[in-house]
Amino acid sequence: MAVPKKRTSKSKRDSRKAVWKRKAAVHAQKAISLGKSILSGKNDGFVYPMAEESTEDGEE
């Protein structure tokens, strides 16, 4: 099993944790922004299927 050879310093640990949390915050902000744009109808960069009535040739 892989074992670290030396103890990681607190500053390096905190720095890595801060980067991880910053990435998570950025992704969360993008998700909120995308959700708001979808709800307002102003979305351009996200394509999703709209709920439409199914029409087939033989029904009408």
Protein backbone atom coordinates (compact mmCIF):
# COMPACT_ATOMS: atom_id res chain seq x y z
CA MET A 1 0.00 0.00 0.00
CA ALA A 2 1.26 3.50 -0.79
CA VAL A 3 2.26 5.50 2.26
CA PRO A 4 3.42 9.14 2.27
CA LYS A 5 7.08 9.44 3.20
CA LYS A 6 6.89 12.69 5.13
CA ARG A 7 4.24 14.69 6.90
CA THR A 8 2.51 17.37 4.81
CA SER A 9 2.80 20.86 6.27
CA LYS A 10 -0.31 22.68 7.49
CA SER A 11 0.11 25.45 4.95
CA LYS A 12 0.31 23.01 2.03
CA ARG A 13 -2.71 21.11 3.38
CA ASP A 14 -4.72 24.30 3.82
CA SER A 15 -3.68 25.54 0.38
CA ARG A 16 -4.87 22.33 -1.27
CA LYS A 17 -8.13 22.42 0.66
CA ALA A 18 -8.69 26.06 -0.35
CA VAL A 19 -8.16 25.19 -4.04
CA TRP A 20 -10.61 22.29 -3.75
CA LYS A 21 -13.23 24.48 -2.07
CA ARG A 22 -12.73 27.28 -4.62
CA LYS A 23 -13.29 24.83 -7.48
CA ALA A 24 -16.46 23.57 -5.79
CA ALA A 25 -17.72 27.13 -5.26
CA VAL A 26 -17.11 28.01 -8.92
CA HIS A 27 -18.97 24.93 -10.13
CA ALA A 28 -21.84 25.61 -7.72
CA GLN A 29 -22.09 29.21 -8.96
CA LYS A 30 -22.16 28.03 -12.59
CA ALA A 31 -24.90 25.51 -11.78
CA ILE A 32 -27.02 28.16 -10.06
CA SER A 33 -26.51 30.55 -12.95
CA LEU A 34 -27.48 27.88 -15.48
CA GLY A 35 -30.57 26.96 -13.48
CA LYS A 36 -31.66 30.59 -13.27
CA SER A 37 -31.16 31.12 -17.00
CA ILE A 38 -33.16 27.97 -17.82
CA LEU A 39 -36.01 29.08 -15.57
CA SER A 40 -36.04 32.59 -17.01
CA GLY A 41 -35.85 31.30 -20.60
CA LYS A 42 -32.68 33.22 -21.47
CA ASN A 43 -30.45 30.20 -21.92
CA ASP A 44 -28.39 29.94 -25.11
CA GLY A 45 -25.61 27.47 -24.31
CA PHE A 46 -27.64 24.64 -22.83
CA VAL A 47 -29.87 22.41 -24.95
CA TYR A 48 -32.43 20.18 -23.30
CA PRO A 49 -35.54 18.40 -24.59
CA MET A 50 -38.74 20.35 -24.21
CA ALA A 51 -41.88 18.60 -23.01
CA GLU A 52 -43.96 18.40 -26.20
CA GLU A 53 -47.05 16.48 -27.13
CA SER A 54 -46.23 13.34 -29.03
CA THR A 55 -47.66 13.42 -32.53
CA GLU A 56 -47.59 10.39 -34.74
CA ASP A 57 -48.69 10.07 -38.38
CA GLY A 58 -51.47 7.50 -37.75
CA GLU A 59 -53.32 9.22 -34.89
CA GLU A 60 -54.96 12.16 -36.66
